[in-house]
Amino acid sequence: MAGGDSVPPYVESDSSNPKVKDPAIPNRMVSTKSANRPFLAHREYREKQEALHNEWVKKKQERDEKIARGEKVGPLEPDPTAVEEVGLLGFLKFIVYLLLIVTLAGKFVTGSFLWESESKWLQLRTYLPKNERLFSETMLAQFDGSDPDKPIYLAFDGEVFDVTKGRAYQPGGSYHHFAGADAARAFATGCFKDHKTHDLRGLSEAELKSIEHWRSFYREHKDYHKIGRVSHKPIDPSSPIPVHCDPKKAEKQRQERAEREKAAAQKTEDKHEEL
């Protein structure tokens, strides 16, 4: 647009990039420019590998000839160009080195070999053999924190956990009244004073999900670990279900129970009519 002759296309100078034989096509020369250098370097590597292999083959032939003549020979050196397969031992070494690098990096970056992780799966005691005990309700009550020389235990739906490290379960803590007992129902309903029992009858679907949440919480906590089970007395199915501490929820619970009883009675009546 400015006028004048067009700029001629750029042509790389042959003087700066001398040509060599093309390793793939006979009687053809290629430039040693930067675009071709990886290809040419690979050719050079293959030529060196081939030379090393031919030298090893020659030594092997000479060794075989000496053996044929009855001469004593030393062990045959391995082929320097042979591809070594990574076996199980090599793979395990790689895993060990990788773990070592990761742990050292964690110490350097965070000051902790475990990268400040609090997972129970990174603690040695998780993999040690467990000697679980069977508690009676009376025996479990002895580990409520009142005796400073004894650990603090808490049961949840029959499973006993050592919660000594939890401040909330020590005397004066917000959850201390749960120590030495199984109050699974209270965890689900929030009625800490009235539902200090393992009786889970009549819980709603949301409350049953809460039970599973708390069960996972204690099982997977880094500071709490399971030490056994508690043997509860059987619950009389005819005994009244604990009433919810919230009047609205208690009324809703009563209505749901009445509907279930009505449906069961209707089902029984239908069966009698069929007979």
Protein backbone atom coordinates (compact mmCIF):
# COMPACT_ATOMS: atom_id res chain seq x y z
CA MET A 1 0.00 0.00 0.00
CA ALA A 2 2.96 2.34 0.61
CA GLY A 3 4.27 1.57 -2.86
CA GLY A 4 7.58 0.12 -3.97
CA ASP A 5 8.71 -3.43 -4.54
CA SER A 6 7.47 -6.24 -2.29
CA VAL A 7 9.77 -7.68 0.35
CA PRO A 8 11.43 -10.89 -0.89
CA PRO A 9 10.66 -14.07 1.16
CA TYR A 10 13.11 -15.01 3.88
CA VAL A 11 15.53 -17.75 2.88
CA GLU A 12 17.70 -19.30 5.54
CA SER A 13 21.38 -19.14 4.66
CA ASP A 14 22.91 -22.49 3.76
CA SER A 15 26.31 -21.34 4.99
CA SER A 16 25.10 -21.18 8.61
CA ASN A 17 23.39 -24.60 8.37
CA PRO A 18 25.50 -27.10 6.44
CA LYS A 19 23.81 -30.15 4.99
CA VAL A 20 24.33 -33.77 6.03
CA LYS A 21 23.08 -37.10 4.75
CA ASP A 22 19.43 -37.82 5.33
CA PRO A 23 19.28 -40.85 7.68
CA ALA A 24 15.90 -41.93 6.28
CA ILE A 25 16.31 -41.42 2.50
CA PRO A 26 19.50 -42.54 0.68
CA ASN A 27 21.35 -40.08 -1.60
CA ARG A 28 19.55 -37.13 -0.02
CA MET A 29 21.01 -34.26 1.95
CA VAL A 30 19.21 -32.33 4.68
CA SER A 31 20.01 -29.09 6.41
CA THR A 32 21.16 -28.99 10.03
CA LYS A 33 18.78 -26.17 10.83
CA SER A 34 17.09 -26.13 14.24
CA ALA A 35 13.92 -27.81 12.96
CA ASN A 36 15.89 -30.88 11.84
CA ARG A 37 18.22 -31.17 14.84
CA PRO A 38 15.99 -33.42 17.01
CA PHE A 39 15.61 -35.81 14.09
CA LEU A 40 19.37 -35.79 13.42
CA ALA A 41 20.16 -36.17 17.13
CA HIS A 42 17.93 -39.23 17.29
CA ARG A 43 19.76 -40.68 14.29
CA GLU A 44 23.10 -40.09 16.02
CA TYR A 45 21.77 -41.77 19.19
CA ARG A 46 20.61 -44.80 17.22
CA GLU A 47 23.99 -45.11 15.48
CA LYS A 48 25.78 -45.05 18.83
CA GLN A 49 23.39 -47.65 20.25
CA GLU A 50 23.89 -49.86 17.20
CA ALA A 51 27.67 -49.56 17.53
CA LEU A 52 27.51 -50.53 21.20
CA HIS A 53 25.27 -53.48 20.42
CA ASN A 54 27.55 -54.73 17.62
CA GLU A 55 30.54 -54.48 19.96
CA TRP A 56 28.68 -56.52 22.58
CA VAL A 57 27.71 -59.13 19.97
CA LYS A 58 31.37 -59.40 18.95
CA LYS A 59 32.45 -59.95 22.56
CA LYS A 60 29.75 -62.55 23.00
CA GLN A 61 30.89 -64.44 19.91
CA GLU A 62 34.48 -64.38 21.16
CA ARG A 63 33.34 -65.66 24.54
CA ASP A 64 31.32 -68.46 22.91
CA GLU A 65 34.35 -69.50 20.87
CA LYS A 66 36.51 -69.67 24.01
CA ILE A 67 33.86 -71.81 25.72
CA ALA A 68 33.84 -74.11 22.69
CA ARG A 69 37.61 -74.52 23.01
CA GLY A 70 37.28 -75.37 26.68
CA GLU A 71 38.82 -72.15 27.97
CA LYS A 72 37.69 -70.53 31.18
CA VAL A 73 35.77 -67.31 30.73
CA GLY A 74 34.22 -64.75 33.05
CA PRO A 75 30.57 -63.80 33.23
CA LEU A 76 29.07 -62.15 30.18
CA GLU A 77 28.42 -58.48 30.57
CA PRO A 78 24.81 -57.46 29.88
CA ASP A 79 23.95 -55.85 26.58
CA PRO A 80 24.26 -52.07 27.23
CA THR A 81 21.48 -51.40 24.72
CA ALA A 82 18.98 -53.91 26.11
CA VAL A 83 15.72 -52.43 27.40
CA GLU A 84 15.31 -53.25 31.09
CA GLU A 85 11.78 -54.08 32.24
CA VAL A 86 10.62 -52.56 35.49
CA GLY A 87 9.72 -55.47 37.77
CA LEU A 88 7.79 -55.54 41.02
CA LEU A 89 10.89 -54.63 43.04
CA GLY A 90 11.56 -51.64 40.82
CA PHE A 91 7.97 -50.48 41.16
CA LEU A 92 8.10 -50.78 44.95
CA LYS A 93 11.34 -48.77 45.00
CA PHE A 94 9.64 -46.08 42.96
CA ILE A 95 6.73 -45.93 45.43
CA VAL A 96 9.13 -45.69 48.39
CA TYR A 97 11.14 -42.90 46.76
CA LEU A 98 7.94 -41.06 45.84
CA LEU A 99 6.61 -41.25 49.41
CA LEU A 100 9.96 -40.09 50.74
CA ILE A 101 9.96 -37.09 48.39
CA VAL A 102 6.37 -36.20 49.28
CA THR A 103 6.98 -36.37 53.05
CA LEU A 104 10.18 -34.31 52.83
CA ALA A 105 8.38 -31.76 50.67
CA GLY A 106 5.62 -31.57 53.29
CA LYS A 107 8.17 -30.91 56.03
CA PHE A 108 9.77 -28.18 53.93
CA VAL A 109 6.51 -26.48 52.87
CA THR A 110 4.22 -26.87 55.91
CA GLY A 111 6.59 -27.99 58.65
CA SER A 112 4.80 -31.33 58.88
CA PHE A 113 5.82 -34.60 57.22
CA LEU A 114 2.11 -35.38 56.71
CA TRP A 115 1.28 -31.96 55.20
CA GLU A 116 -0.65 -31.10 58.39
CA SER A 117 -3.22 -33.74 57.51
CA GLU A 118 -5.36 -34.95 60.42
CA SER A 119 -6.78 -38.02 58.71
CA LYS A 120 -7.00 -41.16 60.84
CA TRP A 121 -5.68 -43.16 57.86
CA LEU A 122 -2.27 -41.49 58.30
CA GLN A 123 -1.98 -42.57 61.93
CA LEU A 124 -0.13 -45.73 62.91
CA ARG A 125 -2.70 -46.87 65.49
CA THR A 126 -5.32 -47.23 62.72
CA TYR A 127 -3.40 -50.23 61.37
CA LEU A 128 -2.39 -51.81 64.67
CA PRO A 129 -4.31 -54.91 65.88
CA LYS A 130 -7.32 -53.89 67.98
CA ASN A 131 -8.19 -55.54 71.29
CA GLU A 132 -11.86 -54.58 71.60
CA ARG A 133 -13.80 -55.15 74.82
CA LEU A 134 -17.42 -55.86 75.65
CA PHE A 135 -18.86 -53.46 78.24
CA SER A 136 -21.94 -53.72 80.35
CA GLU A 137 -23.87 -50.51 80.94
CA THR A 138 -22.66 -50.47 84.55
CA MET A 139 -19.03 -50.90 83.56
CA LEU A 140 -19.29 -48.21 80.87
CA ALA A 141 -20.67 -45.73 83.42
CA GLN A 142 -17.37 -45.95 85.34
CA PHE A 143 -15.58 -44.15 82.49
CA ASP A 144 -17.54 -40.91 82.62
CA GLY A 145 -14.59 -38.67 83.48
CA SER A 146 -15.28 -38.47 87.21
CA ASP A 147 -12.12 -40.47 87.92
CA PRO A 148 -9.08 -38.57 86.54
CA ASP A 149 -7.07 -41.80 86.46
CA LYS A 150 -9.48 -43.44 84.01
CA PRO A 151 -10.05 -42.64 80.33
CA ILE A 152 -13.35 -41.20 79.13
CA TYR A 153 -15.54 -43.49 77.05
CA LEU A 154 -18.67 -42.76 75.09
CA ALA A 155 -20.99 -45.25 73.42
CA PHE A 156 -22.92 -44.54 70.26
CA ASP A 157 -25.53 -47.01 69.04
CA GLY A 158 -23.69 -49.86 70.77
CA GLU A 159 -20.12 -48.92 69.75
CA VAL A 160 -17.75 -47.67 72.46
CA PHE A 161 -15.20 -44.95 71.66
CA ASP A 162 -12.34 -43.48 73.66
CA VAL A 163 -12.97 -39.71 73.65
CA THR A 164 -10.45 -38.77 76.34
CA LYS A 165 -8.75 -36.21 74.08
CA GLY A 166 -12.01 -34.34 73.48
CA ARG A 167 -12.39 -31.35 75.82
CA ALA A 168 -16.15 -31.37 75.34
CA TYR A 169 -16.41 -34.75 77.10
CA GLN A 170 -14.28 -33.82 80.10
CA PRO A 171 -15.89 -32.55 83.34
CA GLY A 172 -17.40 -29.14 82.64
CA GLY A 173 -17.55 -29.73 78.88
CA SER A 174 -20.70 -29.27 76.81
CA TYR A 175 -20.94 -33.00 76.03
CA HIS A 176 -19.75 -34.30 79.40
CA HIS A 177 -23.21 -35.65 80.31
CA PHE A 178 -22.90 -38.11 77.39
CA ALA A 179 -19.69 -39.65 78.79
CA GLY A 180 -20.05 -43.14 80.17
CA ALA A 181 -23.37 -43.75 78.39
CA ASP A 182 -25.00 -44.47 75.05
CA ALA A 183 -27.17 -41.46 74.21
CA ALA A 184 -27.49 -42.01 70.46
CA ARG A 185 -31.11 -40.83 70.44
CA ALA A 186 -30.19 -37.46 71.93
CA PHE A 187 -27.66 -36.85 69.14
CA ALA A 188 -30.43 -37.32 66.57
CA THR A 189 -33.25 -35.40 68.27
CA GLY A 190 -31.29 -32.71 70.12
CA CYS A 191 -33.10 -33.56 73.38
CA PHE A 192 -29.94 -33.91 75.44
CA LYS A 193 -31.66 -34.14 78.81
CA ASP A 194 -34.70 -36.26 77.95
CA HIS A 195 -33.28 -38.65 75.33
CA LYS A 196 -30.15 -39.99 77.01
CA THR A 197 -30.82 -43.46 75.67
CA HIS A 198 -29.87 -45.80 72.84
CA ASP A 199 -33.55 -46.35 71.97
CA LEU A 200 -33.93 -45.34 68.30
CA ARG A 201 -37.56 -46.30 67.81
CA GLY A 202 -39.82 -43.82 66.05
CA LEU A 203 -37.10 -41.58 64.64
CA SER A 204 -37.82 -39.69 61.44
CA GLU A 205 -35.86 -40.25 58.23
CA ALA A 206 -33.87 -37.05 58.82
CA GLU A 207 -33.05 -38.14 62.38
CA LEU A 208 -31.89 -41.57 61.17
CA LYS A 209 -29.59 -39.82 58.68
CA SER A 210 -28.22 -37.82 61.58
CA ILE A 211 -27.46 -41.09 63.39
CA GLU A 212 -25.38 -42.26 60.41
CA HIS A 213 -23.58 -38.90 60.33
CA TRP A 214 -22.57 -39.13 63.97
CA ARG A 215 -21.57 -42.78 63.60
CA SER A 216 -19.17 -41.84 60.78
CA PHE A 217 -17.95 -38.87 62.82
CA TYR A 218 -16.76 -41.06 65.69
CA ARG A 219 -15.44 -43.85 63.50
CA GLU A 220 -13.32 -41.53 61.36
CA HIS A 221 -12.23 -38.95 63.94
CA LYS A 222 -8.47 -38.58 64.26
CA ASP A 223 -8.53 -38.36 68.09
CA TYR A 224 -11.28 -40.89 68.91
CA HIS A 225 -10.96 -44.62 68.35
CA LYS A 226 -13.26 -47.56 68.83
CA ILE A 227 -12.37 -49.83 71.75
CA GLY A 228 -15.34 -52.18 71.90
CA ARG A 229 -19.11 -52.55 72.23
CA VAL A 230 -21.65 -52.16 75.00
CA SER A 231 -24.21 -54.84 75.77
CA HIS A 232 -27.60 -53.14 76.22
CA LYS A 233 -30.64 -54.67 77.80
CA PRO A 234 -33.33 -55.51 75.22
CA ILE A 235 -35.90 -52.77 74.70
CA ASP A 236 -39.47 -53.81 75.37
CA PRO A 237 -41.34 -53.09 72.10
CA SER A 238 -44.51 -52.38 74.08
CA SER A 239 -42.82 -49.69 76.18
CA PRO A 240 -43.66 -46.06 75.28
CA ILE A 241 -41.36 -44.31 72.78
CA PRO A 242 -39.54 -41.34 74.34
CA VAL A 243 -41.50 -38.13 73.72
CA HIS A 244 -39.72 -35.37 71.82
CA CYS A 245 -38.72 -32.34 73.90
CA ASP A 246 -40.12 -29.99 71.25
CA PRO A 247 -43.95 -29.87 71.68
CA LYS A 248 -44.54 -29.38 67.93
CA LYS A 249 -42.36 -32.31 67.00
CA ALA A 250 -43.88 -34.37 69.81
CA GLU A 251 -47.37 -33.73 68.38
CA LYS A 252 -46.20 -34.58 64.87
CA GLN A 253 -44.61 -37.75 66.22
CA ARG A 254 -47.87 -38.68 67.96
CA GLN A 255 -49.88 -38.16 64.77
CA GLU A 256 -47.47 -40.22 62.66
CA ARG A 257 -47.60 -43.04 65.23
CA ALA A 258 -51.40 -42.93 65.25
CA GLU A 259 -51.50 -43.12 61.45
CA ARG A 260 -49.12 -46.10 61.45
CA GLU A 261 -51.24 -47.89 64.04
CA LYS A 262 -54.41 -47.14 62.07
CA ALA A 263 -52.84 -48.45 58.85
CA ALA A 264 -51.66 -51.60 60.62
CA ALA A 265 -55.12 -52.18 62.09
CA GLN A 266 -56.76 -51.66 58.68
CA LYS A 267 -54.34 -54.13 57.12
CA THR A 268 -55.17 -56.72 59.80
CA GLU A 269 -58.89 -56.14 59.26
CA ASP A 270 -58.52 -56.61 55.48
CA LYS A 271 -56.76 -59.93 56.03
CA HIS A 272 -59.58 -61.15 58.28
CA GLU A 273 -62.17 -60.22 55.61
CA GLU A 274 -60.24 -62.15 52.97
CA LEU A 275 -60.24 -65.24 55.19
